[in-house]
């Protein structure tokens, strides 16, 4: 895992169905606390269905170091302690780089709280097929690259620069645009198509 890559954490929790209002407040309190930590890039949580005991949480930090600072903080430990008895089982998984863009909250897991309850949980779906990931990246990259090329074509000195320097300049500008804006937008827009089909 590269230390400076953003890290996405997906968590699947099975909660006590008789304490849903408490769980709701507890989960939101944890997100609010994480939001105050450096490197926090965002989060969200959903219930699997209206009558389901399964909840999914997804959050993202800018690097392994900032995630570790949150996960080993006294503030997080204190928050987790307030949730004792609310969660029956918990599974989590970390992903970095491109794989993290395609994660759904239930993707893959490792039991971390209640091994017996976790072993009885349903099999979690895999990430989207590689070809769908490739199509998604291309759908973001092509229009952005094309628009940037058109924008730079009238610049007088641009065509005279060596090819390597033009490519270097374009990738330096486009990589953060793709990472922070375009790919998250594309993956949200294609979420239904990217979701693995079940038979």
Protein backbone atom coordinates (compact mmCIF):
# COMPACT_ATOMS: atom_id res chain seq x y z
CA UNK A 1 0.00 0.00 0.00
CA UNK A 2 1.55 3.32 -1.06
CA UNK A 3 1.79 5.67 1.98
CA UNK A 4 0.61 8.82 0.17
CA UNK A 5 -2.35 7.32 -1.71
CA UNK A 6 -5.90 8.03 -0.52
CA UNK A 7 -7.35 5.09 1.40
CA UNK A 8 -11.01 4.05 1.27
CA UNK A 9 -12.41 2.02 4.17
CA UNK A 10 -15.68 0.13 3.77
CA UNK A 11 -17.36 -1.28 6.88
CA UNK A 12 -20.30 -3.66 7.15
CA UNK A 13 -21.99 -3.74 10.53
CA UNK A 14 -24.81 -5.93 11.80
CA UNK A 15 -26.57 -3.93 14.49
CA UNK A 16 -29.13 -4.55 17.23
CA UNK A 17 -32.52 -4.01 15.48
CA UNK A 18 -34.12 -2.83 18.73
CA UNK A 19 -31.69 0.09 19.01
CA UNK A 20 -31.83 1.67 15.55
CA UNK A 21 -32.23 5.30 16.79
CA UNK A 22 -29.19 4.86 19.05
CA UNK A 23 -27.17 3.31 16.22
CA UNK A 24 -28.13 6.18 13.91
CA UNK A 25 -26.89 8.76 16.43
CA UNK A 26 -23.77 6.74 17.19
CA UNK A 27 -22.73 6.29 13.54
CA UNK A 28 -23.30 9.97 12.78
CA UNK A 29 -21.30 10.98 15.84
CA UNK A 30 -18.37 8.89 14.60
CA UNK A 31 -18.50 10.52 11.17
CA UNK A 32 -18.63 13.97 12.78
CA UNK A 33 -15.55 13.19 14.83
CA UNK A 34 -13.62 11.80 11.85
CA UNK A 35 -14.53 14.91 9.87
CA UNK A 36 -12.41 17.02 12.24
CA UNK A 37 -9.25 14.99 11.57
CA UNK A 38 -6.64 16.11 8.99
CA UNK A 39 -6.83 14.18 5.72
CA UNK A 40 -10.51 13.26 5.99
CA UNK A 41 -11.97 13.24 2.44
CA UNK A 42 -15.57 12.26 3.08
CA UNK A 43 -17.91 9.50 4.19
CA UNK A 44 -21.41 8.13 4.04
CA UNK A 45 -23.59 5.42 5.55
CA UNK A 46 -26.67 3.50 4.49
CA UNK A 47 -28.84 0.68 5.76
CA UNK A 48 -29.06 -2.33 3.44
CA UNK A 49 -32.87 -2.13 3.48
CA UNK A 50 -35.59 -0.56 5.61
CA UNK A 51 -36.06 -3.69 7.70
CA UNK A 52 -32.40 -4.81 7.56
CA UNK A 53 -30.01 -5.06 10.51
CA UNK A 54 -27.05 -4.56 8.15
CA UNK A 55 -25.51 -1.10 7.82
CA UNK A 56 -22.70 0.01 5.52
CA UNK A 57 -20.25 2.83 6.17
CA UNK A 58 -17.71 4.17 3.69
CA UNK A 59 -15.05 6.75 4.54
CA UNK A 60 -11.86 7.99 2.92
CA UNK A 61 -8.63 9.59 4.13
CA UNK A 62 -5.89 11.24 2.09
CA UNK A 63 -3.17 8.76 3.11
CA UNK A 64 -2.37 5.72 5.22
CA UNK A 65 -0.79 8.03 7.82
CA UNK A 66 -3.87 10.26 8.22
CA UNK A 67 -6.15 7.20 8.38
CA UNK A 68 -3.93 5.60 11.03
CA UNK A 69 -3.98 8.84 13.04
CA UNK A 70 -7.80 8.66 13.13
CA UNK A 71 -8.03 4.91 13.71
CA UNK A 72 -5.52 4.98 16.61
CA UNK A 73 -6.79 8.20 18.17
CA UNK A 74 -8.14 8.47 21.70
CA UNK A 75 -11.17 10.27 20.26
CA UNK A 76 -12.10 7.29 18.05
CA UNK A 77 -11.50 4.85 20.92
CA UNK A 78 -13.83 6.86 23.14
CA UNK A 79 -16.46 6.94 20.41
CA UNK A 80 -16.23 3.17 19.82
CA UNK A 81 -16.68 2.59 23.55
CA UNK A 82 -20.00 4.46 23.48
CA UNK A 83 -21.26 1.96 20.88
CA UNK A 84 -20.81 -1.16 22.99
CA UNK A 85 -23.83 -3.40 22.64
CA UNK A 86 -25.08 -1.67 19.50
CA UNK A 87 -23.06 -3.72 17.00
CA UNK A 88 -23.30 -7.52 16.78
CA UNK A 89 -20.63 -8.00 14.12
CA UNK A 90 -18.37 -5.84 12.01
CA UNK A 91 -16.29 -6.38 8.89
CA UNK A 92 -14.03 -3.89 7.16
CA UNK A 93 -11.74 -3.54 4.18
CA UNK A 94 -9.23 -0.94 2.99
CA UNK A 95 -8.53 -0.07 -0.62
CA UNK A 96 -6.23 2.44 -2.29
CA UNK A 97 -5.86 3.93 -5.74
CA UNK A 98 -8.14 3.00 -8.61
CA UNK A 99 -9.67 0.00 -6.84
CA UNK A 100 -11.01 2.31 -4.14
CA UNK A 101 -13.03 4.33 -6.66
CA UNK A 102 -15.12 1.25 -7.47
CA UNK A 103 -15.77 0.07 -3.93
CA UNK A 104 -19.31 -0.32 -2.73
CA UNK A 105 -19.59 -0.40 1.06
CA UNK A 106 -20.21 -4.19 1.11
CA UNK A 107 -17.21 -5.10 -1.08
CA UNK A 108 -15.08 -7.78 0.56
CA UNK A 109 -14.46 -7.98 4.29
CA UNK A 110 -12.43 -9.22 7.19
CA UNK A 111 -14.14 -10.13 10.49
CA UNK A 112 -12.99 -7.79 13.27
CA UNK A 113 -15.57 -7.88 16.06
CA UNK A 114 -17.67 -11.03 16.32
CA UNK A 115 -16.17 -13.92 14.40
CA UNK A 116 -19.17 -16.20 14.97
CA UNK A 117 -21.71 -13.67 13.68
CA UNK A 118 -19.44 -12.65 10.81
CA UNK A 119 -19.05 -16.22 9.61
CA UNK A 120 -22.82 -16.53 9.26
CA UNK A 121 -23.14 -13.36 7.15
CA UNK A 122 -23.94 -13.57 3.48
CA UNK A 123 -21.12 -13.66 0.92
CA UNK A 124 -20.24 -10.11 -0.04
CA UNK A 125 -20.14 -9.12 -3.73
CA UNK A 126 -16.82 -8.49 -5.53
CA UNK A 127 -15.63 -5.26 -7.11
CA UNK A 128 -16.83 -4.61 -10.69
CA UNK A 129 -15.10 -6.56 -13.50
CA UNK A 130 -11.85 -5.05 -14.78
CA UNK A 131 -13.37 -4.30 -18.18
CA UNK A 132 -16.09 -2.19 -16.53
CA UNK A 133 -13.46 -0.36 -14.52
CA UNK A 134 -11.50 0.28 -17.74
CA UNK A 135 -14.59 1.60 -19.55
CA UNK A 136 -15.39 3.87 -16.62
CA UNK A 137 -11.88 5.33 -16.54
CA UNK A 138 -11.93 5.85 -20.32
CA UNK A 139 -15.32 7.61 -20.12
CA UNK A 140 -13.75 10.10 -17.74
CA UNK A 141 -10.33 10.38 -19.35
CA UNK A 142 -11.31 10.84 -23.00
CA UNK A 143 -13.54 13.95 -22.72
CA UNK A 144 -11.26 15.62 -20.17
CA UNK A 145 -8.16 14.98 -22.28
CA UNK A 146 -9.93 16.13 -25.44
CA UNK A 147 -11.21 19.34 -23.82
CA UNK A 148 -7.78 20.14 -22.38
CA UNK A 149 -6.14 19.56 -25.79
CA UNK A 150 -8.62 21.94 -27.47
CA UNK A 151 -8.03 24.56 -24.80
CA UNK A 152 -4.27 24.46 -25.30
CA UNK A 153 -4.25 24.31 -29.11
CA UNK A 154 -4.48 28.14 -29.56
CA UNK A 155 -1.54 28.74 -27.19
CA UNK A 156 1.29 29.93 -29.52
CA UNK A 157 4.22 28.05 -27.99
CA UNK A 158 2.32 24.83 -27.13
CA UNK A 159 2.79 23.07 -30.48
CA UNK A 160 6.51 23.85 -30.46
CA UNK A 161 7.19 22.12 -27.15
CA UNK A 162 8.76 18.64 -27.21
CA UNK A 163 6.20 15.84 -27.05
CA UNK A 164 7.44 14.58 -23.68
CA UNK A 165 7.02 18.02 -22.14
CA UNK A 166 3.47 18.38 -23.47
CA UNK A 167 2.52 14.94 -22.14
CA UNK A 168 4.17 15.69 -18.79
CA UNK A 169 2.30 19.00 -18.48
CA UNK A 170 -1.04 17.43 -19.40
CA UNK A 171 -0.69 14.52 -16.97
CA UNK A 172 0.38 16.84 -14.13
CA UNK A 173 -2.77 18.92 -14.64
CA UNK A 174 -5.24 16.15 -15.50
CA UNK A 175 -4.31 13.54 -12.89
CA UNK A 176 -5.67 15.48 -9.88
CA UNK A 177 -8.71 16.58 -11.91
CA UNK A 178 -9.46 12.93 -12.73
CA UNK A 179 -8.76 11.69 -9.20
CA UNK A 180 -10.71 14.22 -7.18
CA UNK A 181 -13.57 15.26 -9.49
CA UNK A 182 -14.08 13.34 -12.72
CA UNK A 183 -13.74 9.70 -11.59
CA UNK A 184 -15.80 10.11 -8.42
CA UNK A 185 -18.54 11.75 -10.54
CA UNK A 186 -18.39 9.03 -13.23
CA UNK A 187 -18.46 6.16 -10.71
CA UNK A 188 -21.44 7.71 -8.90
CA UNK A 189 -23.26 8.15 -12.22
CA UNK A 190 -22.57 4.55 -13.27
CA UNK A 191 -23.14 2.96 -9.85
CA UNK A 192 -26.03 0.80 -11.06
CA UNK A 193 -24.08 -0.49 -14.07
CA UNK A 194 -20.91 -1.10 -12.02
CA UNK A 195 -22.73 -3.06 -9.32
CA UNK A 196 -22.11 -6.81 -9.72
CA UNK A 197 -25.16 -8.67 -11.05
CA UNK A 198 -26.59 -11.45 -8.91
CA UNK A 199 -28.42 -14.43 -10.38
